[in-house]
Amino acid sequence: MPALIIQSCWAHEYKHMFDEMQEWMKRGGGVVQMAILLKWTLEVPEPGDPVLHVEVEVFEYAPKIETQYRRTLHEVGVSLWFFD
């Protein structure tokens, strides 16, 4: 079992990815120490160039908390632009 998991998905699939992260933390029994989740959103303005946004969350194993994890970082607004 890994000590670090990194997961990535589109925004509409986030709940499933978050549920998987919870399972890793709970069933890992302390082996999984950290999870990094990347949630992607594509914005296509009219007119304009597409912009890809990513939201980054970091969770750490916390055995004394009921959920057995705590969020230690939540970064929103990282964007990548695509030009034709």
Protein backbone atom coordinates (compact mmCIF):
# COMPACT_ATOMS: atom_id res chain seq x y z
CA MET A 1 0.00 0.00 0.00
CA PRO A 2 1.41 3.45 -0.90
CA ALA A 3 2.26 6.16 1.62
CA LEU A 4 1.20 8.88 -0.85
CA ILE A 5 -1.67 8.84 -3.30
CA ILE A 6 -2.20 11.37 -6.09
CA GLN A 7 -5.58 11.48 -7.82
CA SER A 8 -6.80 13.64 -10.67
CA CYS A 9 -10.23 14.09 -12.26
CA TRP A 10 -12.62 16.49 -13.98
CA ALA A 11 -14.80 18.55 -11.63
CA HIS A 12 -17.96 16.52 -12.35
CA GLU A 13 -16.20 13.35 -11.10
CA TYR A 14 -14.83 14.92 -7.90
CA LYS A 15 -17.24 13.25 -5.45
CA HIS A 16 -16.16 9.80 -6.64
CA MET A 17 -12.48 10.72 -6.34
CA PHE A 18 -13.03 12.20 -2.86
CA ASP A 19 -14.84 9.02 -1.76
CA GLU A 20 -11.89 6.94 -3.01
CA MET A 21 -9.47 9.11 -1.04
CA GLN A 22 -11.54 8.56 2.11
CA GLU A 23 -11.38 4.79 1.58
CA TRP A 24 -7.58 4.90 1.13
CA MET A 25 -7.24 6.82 4.41
CA LYS A 26 -9.64 4.65 6.40
CA ARG A 27 -8.55 1.24 5.13
CA GLY A 28 -4.86 2.12 5.00
CA GLY A 29 -4.63 2.05 8.78
CA GLY A 30 -1.92 4.71 8.78
CA VAL A 31 0.10 3.39 5.86
CA VAL A 32 -1.38 6.02 3.52
CA GLN A 33 -0.06 9.24 5.07
CA MET A 34 -1.04 11.79 2.42
CA ALA A 35 -3.39 12.28 -0.52
CA ILE A 36 -3.14 14.96 -3.20
CA LEU A 37 -6.33 15.60 -5.19
CA LEU A 38 -6.40 17.58 -8.43
CA LYS A 39 -9.80 18.76 -9.71
CA TRP A 40 -9.84 20.10 -13.30
CA THR A 41 -12.34 22.47 -14.91
CA LEU A 42 -12.27 23.61 -18.55
CA GLU A 43 -13.67 27.07 -19.28
CA VAL A 44 -14.38 27.91 -22.90
CA PRO A 45 -15.42 31.57 -23.12
CA GLU A 46 -17.10 32.97 -26.22
CA PRO A 47 -15.05 34.50 -27.75
CA GLY A 48 -11.72 33.64 -26.23
CA ASP A 49 -9.13 30.99 -25.65
CA PRO A 50 -9.93 27.96 -23.47
CA VAL A 51 -8.67 28.12 -19.89
CA LEU A 52 -7.95 25.03 -17.82
CA HIS A 53 -8.33 25.54 -14.05
CA VAL A 54 -7.02 23.18 -11.41
CA GLU A 55 -7.96 23.06 -7.74
CA VAL A 56 -5.41 21.34 -5.49
CA GLU A 57 -6.22 19.77 -2.13
CA VAL A 58 -3.85 17.96 0.21
CA PHE A 59 -5.10 15.64 2.94
CA GLU A 60 -3.03 14.05 5.69
CA TYR A 61 -3.73 11.00 7.80
CA ALA A 62 -5.05 12.02 11.24
CA PRO A 63 -5.92 8.98 13.35
CA LYS A 64 -7.31 11.01 16.25
CA ILE A 65 -9.99 12.61 14.04
CA GLU A 66 -13.17 10.64 13.36
CA THR A 67 -12.73 10.83 9.57
CA GLN A 68 -9.05 9.79 9.97
CA TYR A 69 -7.87 12.58 7.66
CA ARG A 70 -7.64 16.36 7.63
CA ARG A 71 -7.25 18.83 4.79
CA THR A 72 -3.96 20.71 5.10
CA LEU A 73 -3.98 22.65 1.82
CA HIS A 74 -6.68 23.96 -0.51
CA GLU A 75 -5.42 26.02 -3.44
CA VAL A 76 -7.89 27.41 -5.98
CA GLY A 77 -7.27 29.43 -9.09
CA VAL A 78 -4.30 27.84 -10.73
CA SER A 79 -4.98 28.30 -14.45
CA LEU A 80 -3.44 27.28 -17.74
CA TRP A 81 -4.27 29.05 -21.00
CA PHE A 82 -4.40 27.42 -24.40
CA PHE A 83 -3.78 29.47 -27.52
CA ASP A 84 -4.61 28.50 -31.08
